[in-house]
Amino acid sequence: MDSILGFLSRMGAMLHPWLNEIATAMVACLIVVFGADINRLLRRNLAGRSFTLRTLIFVLVNAFGYGMLIVTLSPWLARKLAHMPSSWMLLLVVAAFLFVGAWAQRNRQV
């Protein structure tokens, strides 16, 4: 058991220099997977509104909203991951990407 924990800890420690990139990838993947649902909700709620208003809200949400989410959530997530024990951090990162991939597959986005 100690050898497995040692292996996970060493592999997790190898991820530490890349935590900012990993956190950015995690947030971006979530936005890609859930962005279609968010845009569908916006489209449904903005139906019947003027073209200009729909376009403005689309640009605000997609360009600025998603961009702001990536810029603000990624450093926060990287800090949270950095404070975790390396073995658990590795397991969480792998599980998060597997979850996003399974969710995308289940919702026919892959």
PDB file of N, CA and C in Angstrom:
ATOM      1  N   MET A   1       0.825  -1.194   0.000  1.00  0.00           N
ATOM      2  CA  MET A   1       0.000   0.000   0.000  1.00  0.00           C
ATOM      3  C   MET A   1       0.866   1.253   0.000  1.00  0.00           C
ATOM      4  N   ASP A   2       1.976   1.196   0.745  1.00  0.00           N
ATOM      5  CA  ASP A   2       2.864   2.357   0.787  1.00  0.00           C
ATOM      6  C   ASP A   2       3.474   2.645  -0.570  1.00  0.00           C
ATOM      7  N   SER A   3       3.717   1.587  -1.351  1.00  0.00           N
ATOM      8  CA  SER A   3       4.306   1.813  -2.673  1.00  0.00           C
ATOM      9  C   SER A   3       3.312   2.505  -3.600  1.00  0.00           C
ATOM     10  N   ILE A   4       2.037   2.171  -3.485  1.00  0.00           N
ATOM     11  CA  ILE A   4       1.015   2.830  -4.312  1.00  0.00           C
ATOM     12  C   ILE A   4       0.886   4.293  -3.914  1.00  0.00           C
ATOM     13  N   LEU A   5       0.816   4.552  -2.622  1.00  0.00           N
ATOM     14  CA  LEU A   5       0.721   5.940  -2.153  1.00  0.00           C
ATOM     15  C   LEU A   5       1.963   6.733  -2.525  1.00  0.00           C
ATOM     16  N   GLY A   6       3.125   6.103  -2.440  1.00  0.00           N
ATOM     17  CA  GLY A   6       4.361   6.772  -2.838  1.00  0.00           C
ATOM     18  C   GLY A   6       4.365   7.105  -4.316  1.00  0.00           C
ATOM     19  N   PHE A   7       3.882   6.165  -5.137  1.00  0.00           N
ATOM     20  CA  PHE A   7       3.799   6.405  -6.575  1.00  0.00           C
ATOM     21  C   PHE A   7       2.849   7.555  -6.881  1.00  0.00           C
ATOM     22  N   LEU A   8       1.659   7.527  -6.275  1.00  0.00           N
ATOM     23  CA  LEU A   8       0.688   8.603  -6.496  1.00  0.00           C
ATOM     24  C   LEU A   8       1.241   9.944  -6.036  1.00  0.00           C
ATOM     25  N   SER A   9       1.942   9.935  -4.931  1.00  0.00           N
ATOM     26  CA  SER A   9       2.515  11.176  -4.407  1.00  0.00           C
ATOM     27  C   SER A   9       3.593  11.722  -5.343  1.00  0.00           C
ATOM     28  N   ARG A  10       4.454  10.842  -5.862  1.00  0.00           N
ATOM     29  CA  ARG A  10       5.494  11.293  -6.798  1.00  0.00           C
ATOM     30  C   ARG A  10       4.884  11.814  -8.092  1.00  0.00           C
ATOM     31  N   MET A  11       3.879  11.115  -8.611  1.00  0.00           N
ATOM     32  CA  MET A  11       3.229  11.562  -9.847  1.00  0.00           C
ATOM     33  C   MET A  11       2.507  12.893  -9.624  1.00  0.00           C
ATOM     34  N   GLY A  12       1.850  13.024  -8.492  1.00  0.00           N
ATOM     35  CA  GLY A  12       1.178  14.281  -8.167  1.00  0.00           C
ATOM     36  C   GLY A  12       2.155  15.422  -8.014  1.00  0.00           C
ATOM     37  N   ALA A  13       3.310  15.138  -7.414  1.00  0.00           N
ATOM     38  CA  ALA A  13       4.331  16.182  -7.247  1.00  0.00           C
ATOM     39  C   ALA A  13       4.855  16.654  -8.599  1.00  0.00           C
ATOM     40  N   MET A  14       4.859  15.762  -9.580  1.00  0.00           N
ATOM     41  CA  MET A  14       5.313  16.155 -10.919  1.00  0.00           C
ATOM     42  C   MET A  14       4.342  17.125 -11.590  1.00  0.00           C
ATOM     43  N   LEU A  15       3.105  17.173 -11.117  1.00  0.00           N
ATOM     44  CA  LEU A  15       2.104  18.079 -11.691  1.00  0.00           C
ATOM     45  C   LEU A  15       2.197  19.496 -11.134  1.00  0.00           C
ATOM     46  N   HIS A  16       2.826  19.670  -9.996  1.00  0.00           N
ATOM     47  CA  HIS A  16       2.853  20.979  -9.335  1.00  0.00           C
ATOM     48  C   HIS A  16       3.341  22.122 -10.229  1.00  0.00           C
ATOM     49  N   PRO A  17       4.400  21.952 -11.032  1.00  0.00           N
ATOM     50  CA  PRO A  17       4.818  23.083 -11.878  1.00  0.00           C
ATOM     51  C   PRO A  17       3.781  23.459 -12.938  1.00  0.00           C
ATOM     52  N   TRP A  18       2.850  22.564 -13.201  1.00  0.00           N
ATOM     53  CA  TRP A  18       1.874  22.775 -14.269  1.00  0.00           C
ATOM     54  C   TRP A  18       0.471  23.068 -13.751  1.00  0.00           C
ATOM     55  N   LEU A  19       0.326  23.382 -12.482  1.00  0.00           N
ATOM     56  CA  LEU A  19      -1.012  23.552 -11.909  1.00  0.00           C
ATOM     57  C   LEU A  19      -1.798  24.687 -12.549  1.00  0.00           C
ATOM     58  N   ASN A  20      -1.147  25.782 -12.915  1.00  0.00           N
ATOM     59  CA  ASN A  20      -1.880  26.879 -13.569  1.00  0.00           C
ATOM     60  C   ASN A  20      -2.467  26.416 -14.891  1.00  0.00           C
ATOM     61  N   GLU A  21      -1.692  25.684 -15.679  1.00  0.00           N
ATOM     62  CA  GLU A  21      -2.182  25.189 -16.959  1.00  0.00           C
ATOM     63  C   GLU A  21      -3.266  24.132 -16.772  1.00  0.00           C
ATOM     64  N   ILE A  22      -3.088  23.268 -15.783  1.00  0.00           N
ATOM     65  CA  ILE A  22      -4.089  22.236 -15.506  1.00  0.00           C
ATOM     66  C   ILE A  22      -5.404  22.877 -15.074  1.00  0.00           C
ATOM     67  N   ALA A  23      -5.331  23.874 -14.203  1.00  0.00           N
ATOM     68  CA  ALA A  23      -6.541  24.557 -13.743  1.00  0.00           C
ATOM     69  C   ALA A  23      -7.229  25.274 -14.897  1.00  0.00           C
ATOM     70  N   THR A  24      -6.451  25.907 -15.766  1.00  0.00           N
ATOM     71  CA  THR A  24      -7.035  26.576 -16.932  1.00  0.00           C
ATOM     72  C   THR A  24      -7.721  25.564 -17.840  1.00  0.00           C
ATOM     73  N   ALA A  25      -7.085  24.424 -18.057  1.00  0.00           N
ATOM     74  CA  ALA A  25      -7.686  23.384 -18.892  1.00  0.00           C
ATOM     75  C   ALA A  25      -8.971  22.848 -18.270  1.00  0.00           C
ATOM     76  N   MET A  26      -8.990  22.684 -16.957  1.00  0.00           N
ATOM     77  CA  MET A  26     -10.192  22.184 -16.288  1.00  0.00           C
ATOM     78  C   MET A  26     -11.352  23.166 -16.440  1.00  0.00           C
ATOM     79  N   VAL A  27     -11.078  24.438 -16.207  1.00  0.00           N
ATOM     80  CA  VAL A  27     -12.133  25.451 -16.324  1.00  0.00           C
ATOM     81  C   VAL A  27     -12.595  25.563 -17.770  1.00  0.00           C
ATOM     82  N   ALA A  28     -11.657  25.562 -18.708  1.00  0.00           N
ATOM     83  CA  ALA A  28     -12.021  25.672 -20.120  1.00  0.00           C
ATOM     84  C   ALA A  28     -12.845  24.470 -20.572  1.00  0.00           C
ATOM     85  N   CYS A  29     -12.485  23.275 -20.124  1.00  0.00           N
ATOM     86  CA  CYS A  29     -13.265  22.086 -20.480  1.00  0.00           C
ATOM     87  C   CYS A  29     -14.689  22.174 -19.948  1.00  0.00           C
ATOM     88  N   LEU A  30     -14.828  22.634 -18.722  1.00  0.00           N
ATOM     89  CA  LEU A  30     -16.172  22.790 -18.162  1.00  0.00           C
ATOM     90  C   LEU A  30     -16.988  23.802 -18.951  1.00  0.00           C
ATOM     91  N   ILE A  31     -16.347  24.890 -19.364  1.00  0.00           N
ATOM     92  CA  ILE A  31     -17.055  25.902 -20.148  1.00  0.00           C
ATOM     93  C   ILE A  31     -17.455  25.350 -21.506  1.00  0.00           C
ATOM     94  N   VAL A  32     -16.577  24.587 -22.131  1.00  0.00           N
ATOM     95  CA  VAL A  32     -16.903  24.001 -23.433  1.00  0.00           C
ATOM     96  C   VAL A  32     -18.072  23.037 -23.302  1.00  0.00           C
ATOM     97  N   VAL A  33     -18.047  22.205 -22.270  1.00  0.00           N
ATOM     98  CA  VAL A  33     -19.098  21.205 -22.107  1.00  0.00           C
ATOM     99  C   VAL A  33     -20.429  21.845 -21.730  1.00  0.00           C
ATOM    100  N   PHE A  34     -20.405  22.802 -20.810  1.00  0.00           N
ATOM    101  CA  PHE A  34     -21.651  23.400 -20.347  1.00  0.00           C
ATOM    102  C   PHE A  34     -22.032  24.665 -21.105  1.00  0.00           C
ATOM    103  N   GLY A  35     -21.157  25.171 -21.954  1.00  0.00           N
ATOM    104  CA  GLY A  35     -21.437  26.387 -22.713  1.00  0.00           C
ATOM    105  C   GLY A  35     -22.631  26.244 -23.641  1.00  0.00           C
ATOM    106  N   ALA A  36     -22.773  25.077 -24.252  1.00  0.00           N
ATOM    107  CA  ALA A  36     -23.911  24.856 -25.151  1.00  0.00           C
ATOM    108  C   ALA A  36     -25.229  24.944 -24.382  1.00  0.00           C
ATOM    109  N   ASP A  37     -25.257  24.388 -23.180  1.00  0.00           N
ATOM    110  CA  ASP A  37     -26.476  24.464 -22.360  1.00  0.00           C
ATOM    111  C   ASP A  37     -26.769  25.899 -21.943  1.00  0.00           C
ATOM    112  N   ILE A  38     -25.729  26.635 -21.587  1.00  0.00           N
ATOM    113  CA  ILE A  38     -25.905  28.038 -21.200  1.00  0.00           C
ATOM    114  C   ILE A  38     -26.411  28.847 -22.386  1.00  0.00           C
ATOM    115  N   ASN A  39     -25.820  28.634 -23.557  1.00  0.00           N
ATOM    116  CA  ASN A  39     -26.258  29.365 -24.747  1.00  0.00           C
ATOM    117  C   ASN A  39     -27.683  28.994 -25.141  1.00  0.00           C
ATOM    118  N   ARG A  40     -28.053  27.724 -24.967  1.00  0.00           N
ATOM    119  CA  ARG A  40     -29.420  27.297 -25.265  1.00  0.00           C
ATOM    120  C   ARG A  40     -30.410  27.984 -24.323  1.00  0.00           C
ATOM    121  N   LEU A  41     -30.048  28.089 -23.051  1.00  0.00           N
ATOM    122  CA  LEU A  41     -30.886  28.779 -22.072  1.00  0.00           C
ATOM    123  C   LEU A  41     -31.037  30.254 -22.439  1.00  0.00           C
ATOM    124  N   LEU A  42     -29.934  30.886 -22.813  1.00  0.00           N
ATOM    125  CA  LEU A  42     -30.000  32.289 -23.235  1.00  0.00           C
ATOM    126  C   LEU A  42     -30.884  32.455 -24.464  1.00  0.00           C
ATOM    127  N   ARG A  43     -30.697  31.570 -25.442  1.00  0.00           N
ATOM    128  CA  ARG A  43     -31.480  31.652 -26.674  1.00  0.00           C
ATOM    129  C   ARG A  43     -32.968  31.512 -26.370  1.00  0.00           C
ATOM    130  N   ARG A  44     -33.304  30.594 -25.463  1.00  0.00           N
ATOM    131  CA  ARG A  44     -34.704  30.386 -25.102  1.00  0.00           C
ATOM    132  C   ARG A  44     -35.271  31.617 -24.390  1.00  0.00           C
ATOM    133  N   ASN A  45     -34.497  32.216 -23.488  1.00  0.00           N
ATOM    134  CA  ASN A  45     -34.980  33.367 -22.728  1.00  0.00           C
ATOM    135  C   ASN A  45     -34.986  34.654 -23.539  1.00  0.00           C
ATOM    136  N   LEU A  46     -34.175  34.707 -24.589  1.00  0.00           N
ATOM    137  CA  LEU A  46     -34.110  35.926 -25.396  1.00  0.00           C
ATOM    138  C   LEU A  46     -34.915  35.832 -26.685  1.00  0.00           C
ATOM    139  N   ALA A  47     -35.645  34.760 -26.858  1.00  0.00           N
ATOM    140  CA  ALA A  47     -36.459  34.607 -28.064  1.00  0.00           C
ATOM    141  C   ALA A  47     -37.478  35.741 -28.131  1.00  0.00           C
ATOM    142  N   GLY A  48     -37.607  36.307 -29.294  1.00  0.00           N
ATOM    143  CA  GLY A  48     -38.549  37.395 -29.486  1.00  0.00           C
ATOM    144  C   GLY A  48     -37.975  38.772 -29.210  1.00  0.00           C
ATOM    145  N   ARG A  49     -36.786  38.832 -28.668  1.00  0.00           N
ATOM    146  CA  ARG A  49     -36.134  40.127 -28.427  1.00  0.00           C
ATOM    147  C   ARG A  49     -35.482  40.599 -29.719  1.00  0.00           C
ATOM    148  N   SER A  50     -35.044  41.819 -29.719  1.00  0.00           N
ATOM    149  CA  SER A  50     -34.441  42.385 -30.929  1.00  0.00           C
ATOM    150  C   SER A  50     -33.101  41.718 -31.227  1.00  0.00           C
ATOM    151  N   PHE A  51     -32.739  41.737 -32.505  1.00  0.00           N
ATOM    152  CA  PHE A  51     -31.477  41.153 -32.951  1.00  0.00           C
ATOM    153  C   PHE A  51     -30.296  41.805 -32.247  1.00  0.00           C
ATOM    154  N   THR A  52     -30.358  43.114 -32.082  1.00  0.00           N
ATOM    155  CA  THR A  52     -29.259  43.846 -31.455  1.00  0.00           C
ATOM    156  C   THR A  52     -29.066  43.409 -30.006  1.00  0.00           C
ATOM    157  N   LEU A  53     -30.141  43.281 -29.260  1.00  0.00           N
ATOM    158  CA  LEU A  53     -30.055  42.858 -27.862  1.00  0.00           C
ATOM    159  C   LEU A  53     -29.531  41.431 -27.754  1.00  0.00           C
ATOM    160  N   ARG A  54     -30.052  40.527 -28.594  1.00  0.00           N
ATOM    161  CA  ARG A  54     -29.587  39.132 -28.571  1.00  0.00           C
ATOM    162  C   ARG A  54     -28.103  39.049 -28.892  1.00  0.00           C
ATOM    163  N   THR A  55     -27.663  39.816 -29.890  1.00  0.00           N
ATOM    164  CA  THR A  55     -26.252  39.806 -30.280  1.00  0.00           C
ATOM    165  C   THR A  55     -25.381  40.374 -29.174  1.00  0.00           C
ATOM    166  N   LEU A  56     -25.811  41.468 -28.569  1.00  0.00           N
ATOM    167  CA  LEU A  56     -25.045  42.087 -27.492  1.00  0.00           C
ATOM    168  C   LEU A  56     -24.885  41.133 -26.307  1.00  0.00           C
ATOM    169  N   ILE A  57     -25.959  40.493 -25.906  1.00  0.00           N
ATOM    170  CA  ILE A  57     -25.893  39.563 -24.777  1.00  0.00           C
ATOM    171  C   ILE A  57     -25.043  38.347 -25.129  1.00  0.00           C
ATOM    172  N   PHE A  58     -25.159  37.866 -26.369  1.00  0.00           N
ATOM    173  CA  PHE A  58     -24.334  36.739 -26.805  1.00  0.00           C
ATOM    174  C   PHE A  58     -22.851  37.078 -26.707  1.00  0.00           C
ATOM    175  N   VAL A  59     -22.477  38.264 -27.186  1.00  0.00           N
ATOM    176  CA  VAL A  59     -21.074  38.686 -27.138  1.00  0.00           C
ATOM    177  C   VAL A  59     -20.628  38.869 -25.691  1.00  0.00           C
ATOM    178  N   LEU A  60     -21.455  39.489 -24.868  1.00  0.00           N
ATOM    179  CA  LEU A  60     -21.091  39.699 -23.464  1.00  0.00           C
ATOM    180  C   LEU A  60     -20.874  38.379 -22.729  1.00  0.00           C
ATOM    181  N   VAL A  61     -21.775  37.440 -22.935  1.00  0.00           N
ATOM    182  CA  VAL A  61     -21.669  36.161 -22.234  1.00  0.00           C
ATOM    183  C   VAL A  61     -20.503  35.338 -22.771  1.00  0.00           C
ATOM    184  N   ASN A  62     -20.411  35.213 -24.096  1.00  0.00           N
ATOM    185  CA  ASN A  62     -19.398  34.333 -24.669  1.00  0.00           C
ATOM    186  C   ASN A  62     -17.999  34.918 -24.610  1.00  0.00           C
ATOM    187  N   ALA A  63     -17.836  36.159 -24.938  1.00  0.00           N
ATOM    188  CA  ALA A  63     -16.494  36.750 -24.954  1.00  0.00           C
ATOM    189  C   ALA A  63     -16.052  37.168 -23.560  1.00  0.00           C
ATOM    190  N   PHE A  64     -16.864  37.954 -22.913  1.00  0.00           N
ATOM    191  CA  PHE A  64     -16.453  38.511 -21.626  1.00  0.00           C
ATOM    192  C   PHE A  64     -16.797  37.596 -20.455  1.00  0.00           C
ATOM    193  N   GLY A  65     -17.968  37.007 -20.461  1.00  0.00           N
ATOM    194  CA  GLY A  65     -18.378  36.147 -19.350  1.00  0.00           C
ATOM    195  C   GLY A  65     -17.517  34.908 -19.222  1.00  0.00           C
ATOM    196  N   TYR A  66     -17.375  34.161 -20.307  1.00  0.00           N
ATOM    197  CA  TYR A  66     -16.551  32.956 -20.263  1.00  0.00           C
ATOM    198  C   TYR A  66     -15.084  33.308 -20.058  1.00  0.00           C
ATOM    199  N   GLY A  67     -14.630  34.374 -20.682  1.00  0.00           N
ATOM    200  CA  GLY A  67     -13.246  34.817 -20.480  1.00  0.00           C
ATOM    201  C   GLY A  67     -12.982  35.188 -19.034  1.00  0.00           C
ATOM    202  N   MET A  68     -13.928  35.901 -18.430  1.00  0.00           N
ATOM    203  CA  MET A  68     -13.774  36.281 -17.027  1.00  0.00           C
ATOM    204  C   MET A  68     -13.771  35.047 -16.123  1.00  0.00           C
ATOM    205  N   LEU A  69     -14.611  34.070 -16.445  1.00  0.00           N
ATOM    206  CA  LEU A  69     -14.614  32.834 -15.660  1.00  0.00           C
ATOM    207  C   LEU A  69     -13.255  32.145 -15.708  1.00  0.00           C
ATOM    208  N   ILE A  70     -12.678  32.065 -16.898  1.00  0.00           N
ATOM    209  CA  ILE A  70     -11.374  31.413 -17.030  1.00  0.00           C
ATOM    210  C   ILE A  70     -10.312  32.186 -16.267  1.00  0.00           C
ATOM    211  N   VAL A  71     -10.312  33.501 -16.419  1.00  0.00           N
ATOM    212  CA  VAL A  71      -9.275  34.325 -15.787  1.00  0.00           C
ATOM    213  C   VAL A  71      -9.403  34.335 -14.266  1.00  0.00           C
ATOM    214  N   THR A  72     -10.610  34.300 -13.740  1.00  0.00           N
ATOM    215  CA  THR A  72     -10.778  34.367 -12.283  1.00  0.00           C
ATOM    216  C   THR A  72     -10.768  32.996 -11.611  1.00  0.00           C
ATOM    217  N   LEU A  73     -11.387  31.999 -12.230  1.00  0.00           N
ATOM    218  CA  LEU A  73     -11.466  30.686 -11.592  1.00  0.00           C
ATOM    219  C   LEU A  73     -10.173  29.885 -11.691  1.00  0.00           C
ATOM    220  N   SER A  74      -9.429  30.053 -12.775  1.00  0.00           N
ATOM    221  CA  SER A  74      -8.212  29.251 -12.957  1.00  0.00           C
ATOM    222  C   SER A  74      -7.177  29.479 -11.857  1.00  0.00           C
ATOM    223  N   PRO A  75      -6.817  30.724 -11.522  1.00  0.00           N
ATOM    224  CA  PRO A  75      -5.853  30.902 -10.425  1.00  0.00           C
ATOM    225  C   PRO A  75      -6.387  30.409  -9.077  1.00  0.00           C
ATOM    226  N   TRP A  76      -7.671  30.616  -8.827  1.00  0.00           N
ATOM    227  CA  TRP A  76      -8.274  30.138  -7.587  1.00  0.00           C
ATOM    228  C   TRP A  76      -8.182  28.610  -7.502  1.00  0.00           C
ATOM    229  N   LEU A  77      -8.538  27.936  -8.595  1.00  0.00           N
ATOM    230  CA  LEU A  77      -8.479  26.477  -8.628  1.00  0.00           C
ATOM    231  C   LEU A  77      -7.041  25.977  -8.495  1.00  0.00           C
ATOM    232  N   ALA A  78      -6.097  26.659  -9.137  1.00  0.00           N
ATOM    233  CA  ALA A  78      -4.684  26.267  -9.028  1.00  0.00           C
ATOM    234  C   ALA A  78      -4.199  26.383  -7.582  1.00  0.00           C
ATOM    235  N   ARG A  79      -4.617  27.438  -6.891  1.00  0.00           N
ATOM    236  CA  ARG A  79      -4.229  27.586  -5.479  1.00  0.00           C
ATOM    237  C   ARG A  79      -4.824  26.469  -4.624  1.00  0.00           C
ATOM    238  N   LYS A  80      -6.083  26.146  -4.874  1.00  0.00           N
ATOM    239  CA  LYS A  80      -6.727  25.067  -4.110  1.00  0.00           C
ATOM    240  C   LYS A  80      -6.043  23.730  -4.374  1.00  0.00           C
ATOM    241  N   LEU A  81      -5.701  23.468  -5.632  1.00  0.00           N
ATOM    242  CA  LEU A  81      -5.018  22.218  -5.962  1.00  0.00           C
ATOM    243  C   LEU A  81      -3.633  22.159  -5.327  1.00  0.00           C
ATOM    244  N   ALA A  82      -2.945  23.294  -5.279  1.00  0.00           N
ATOM    245  CA  ALA A  82      -1.590  23.332  -4.721  1.00  0.00           C
ATOM    246  C   ALA A  82      -1.586  23.024  -3.225  1.00  0.00           C
ATOM    247  N   HIS A  83      -2.692  23.285  -2.544  1.00  0.00           N
ATOM    248  CA  HIS A  83      -2.753  23.048  -1.100  1.00  0.00           C
ATOM    249  C   HIS A  83      -3.146  21.608  -0.753  1.00  0.00           C
ATOM    250  N   MET A  84      -3.487  20.830  -1.755  1.00  0.00           N
ATOM    251  CA  MET A  84      -3.870  19.439  -1.513  1.00  0.00           C
ATOM    252  C   MET A  84      -2.624  18.559  -1.439  1.00  0.00           C
ATOM    253  N   PRO A  85      -2.706  17.458  -0.722  1.00  0.00           N
ATOM    254  CA  PRO A  85      -1.615  16.482  -0.793  1.00  0.00           C
ATOM    255  C   PRO A  85      -1.464  15.986  -2.239  1.00  0.00           C
ATOM    256  N   SER A  86      -0.239  15.755  -2.655  1.00  0.00           N
ATOM    257  CA  SER A  86       0.039  15.429  -4.060  1.00  0.00           C
ATOM    258  C   SER A  86      -0.725  14.212  -4.561  1.00  0.00           C
ATOM    259  N   SER A  87      -0.831  13.184  -3.745  1.00  0.00           N
ATOM    260  CA  SER A  87      -1.527  11.973  -4.198  1.00  0.00           C
ATOM    261  C   SER A  87      -3.006  12.252  -4.447  1.00  0.00           C
ATOM    262  N   TRP A  88      -3.645  12.995  -3.549  1.00  0.00           N
ATOM    263  CA  TRP A  88      -5.060  13.327  -3.725  1.00  0.00           C
ATOM    264  C   TRP A  88      -5.262  14.297  -4.878  1.00  0.00           C
ATOM    265  N   MET A  89      -4.323  15.217  -5.059  1.00  0.00           N
ATOM    266  CA  MET A  89      -4.428  16.167  -6.159  1.00  0.00           C
ATOM    267  C   MET A  89      -4.392  15.435  -7.498  1.00  0.00           C
ATOM    268  N   LEU A  90      -3.485  14.469  -7.632  1.00  0.00           N
ATOM    269  CA  LEU A  90      -3.408  13.686  -8.862  1.00  0.00           C
ATOM    270  C   LEU A  90      -4.721  12.960  -9.116  1.00  0.00           C
ATOM    271  N   LEU A  91      -5.248  12.310  -8.101  1.00  0.00           N
ATOM    272  CA  LEU A  91      -6.512  11.584  -8.253  1.00  0.00           C
ATOM    273  C   LEU A  91      -7.660  12.523  -8.609  1.00  0.00           C
ATOM    274  N   LEU A  92      -7.695  13.698  -7.997  1.00  0.00           N
ATOM    275  CA  LEU A  92      -8.752  14.660  -8.288  1.00  0.00           C
ATOM    276  C   LEU A  92      -8.658  15.176  -9.723  1.00  0.00           C
ATOM    277  N   VAL A  93      -7.462  15.479 -10.184  1.00  0.00           N
ATOM    278  CA  VAL A  93      -7.285  15.980 -11.551  1.00  0.00           C
ATOM    279  C   VAL A  93      -7.722  14.922 -12.562  1.00  0.00           C
ATOM    280  N   VAL A  94      -7.278  13.695 -12.367  1.00  0.00           N
ATOM    281  CA  VAL A  94      -7.666  12.615 -13.278  1.00  0.00           C
ATOM    282  C   VAL A  94      -9.177  12.404 -13.236  1.00  0.00           C
ATOM    283  N   ALA A  95      -9.753  12.375 -12.044  1.00  0.00           N
ATOM    284  CA  ALA A  95     -11.197  12.173 -11.909  1.00  0.00           C
ATOM    285  C   ALA A  95     -11.980  13.318 -12.541  1.00  0.00           C
ATOM    286  N   ALA A  96     -11.507  14.541 -12.400  1.00  0.00           N
ATOM    287  CA  ALA A  96     -12.214  15.691 -12.971  1.00  0.00           C
ATOM    288  C   ALA A  96     -12.243  15.607 -14.491  1.00  0.00           C
ATOM    289  N   PHE A  97     -11.105  15.276 -15.101  1.00  0.00           N
ATOM    290  CA  PHE A  97     -11.084  15.167 -16.559  1.00  0.00           C
ATOM    291  C   PHE A  97     -11.898  13.970 -17.046  1.00  0.00           C
ATOM    292  N   LEU A  98     -11.882  12.872 -16.301  1.00  0.00           N
ATOM    293  CA  LEU A  98     -12.722  11.734 -16.666  1.00  0.00           C
ATOM    294  C   LEU A  98     -14.201  12.090 -16.558  1.00  0.00           C
ATOM    295  N   PHE A  99     -14.568  12.829 -15.514  1.00  0.00           N
ATOM    296  CA  PHE A  99     -15.956  13.264 -15.348  1.00  0.00           C
ATOM    297  C   PHE A  99     -16.398  14.147 -16.508  1.00  0.00           C
ATOM    298  N   VAL A 100     -15.563  15.121 -16.864  1.00  0.00           N
ATOM    299  CA  VAL A 100     -15.915  16.026 -17.966  1.00  0.00           C
ATOM    300  C   VAL A 100     -16.026  15.241 -19.270  1.00  0.00           C
ATOM    301  N   GLY A 101     -15.110  14.311 -19.499  1.00  0.00           N
ATOM    302  CA  GLY A 101     -15.169  13.496 -20.712  1.00  0.00           C
ATOM    303  C   GLY A 101     -16.409  12.618 -20.755  1.00  0.00           C
ATOM    304  N   ALA A 102     -16.745  11.999 -19.631  1.00  0.00           N
ATOM    305  CA  ALA A 102     -17.945  11.162 -19.574  1.00  0.00           C
ATOM    306  C   ALA A 102     -19.204  11.997 -19.761  1.00  0.00           C
ATOM    307  N   TRP A 103     -19.226  13.173 -19.151  1.00  0.00           N
ATOM    308  CA  TRP A 103     -20.381  14.063 -19.299  1.00  0.00           C
ATOM    309  C   TRP A 103     -20.547  14.485 -20.756  1.00  0.00           C
ATOM    310  N   ALA A 104     -19.439  14.834 -21.398  1.00  0.00           N
ATOM    311  CA  ALA A 104     -19.491  15.243 -22.803  1.00  0.00           C
ATOM    312  C   ALA A 104     -19.957  14.087 -23.678  1.00  0.00           C
ATOM    313  N   GLN A 105     -19.458  12.896 -23.415  1.00  0.00           N
ATOM    314  CA  GLN A 105     -19.870  11.724 -24.185  1.00  0.00           C
ATOM    315  C   GLN A 105     -21.351  11.436 -23.976  1.00  0.00           C
ATOM    316  N   ARG A 106     -21.795  11.535 -22.745  1.00  0.00           N
ATOM    317  CA  ARG A 106     -23.199  11.252 -22.420  1.00  0.00           C
ATOM    318  C   ARG A 106     -24.143  12.251 -23.081  1.00  0.00           C
ATOM    319  N   ASN A 107     -23.700  13.485 -23.198  1.00  0.00           N
ATOM    320  CA  ASN A 107     -24.529  14.522 -23.805  1.00  0.00           C
ATOM    321  C   ASN A 107     -24.206  14.740 -25.275  1.00  0.00           C
ATOM    322  N   ARG A 108     -23.542  13.778 -25.876  1.00  0.00           N
ATOM    323  CA  ARG A 108     -23.241  13.760 -27.315  1.00  0.00           C
ATOM    324  C   ARG A 108     -22.485  14.991 -27.781  1.00  0.00           C
ATOM    325  N   GLN A 109     -21.515  15.416 -26.994  1.00  0.00           N
ATOM    326  CA  GLN A 109     -20.681  16.546 -27.390  1.00  0.00           C
ATOM    327  C   GLN A 109     -19.323  16.081 -27.886  1.00  0.00           C
ATOM    328  N   VAL A 110     -19.107  14.773 -27.894  1.00  0.00           N
ATOM    329  CA  VAL A 110     -17.839  14.221 -28.387  1.00  0.00           C
ATOM    330  C   VAL A 110     -18.114  13.481 -29.663  1.00  0.00           C
TER     331      VAL A 110
END
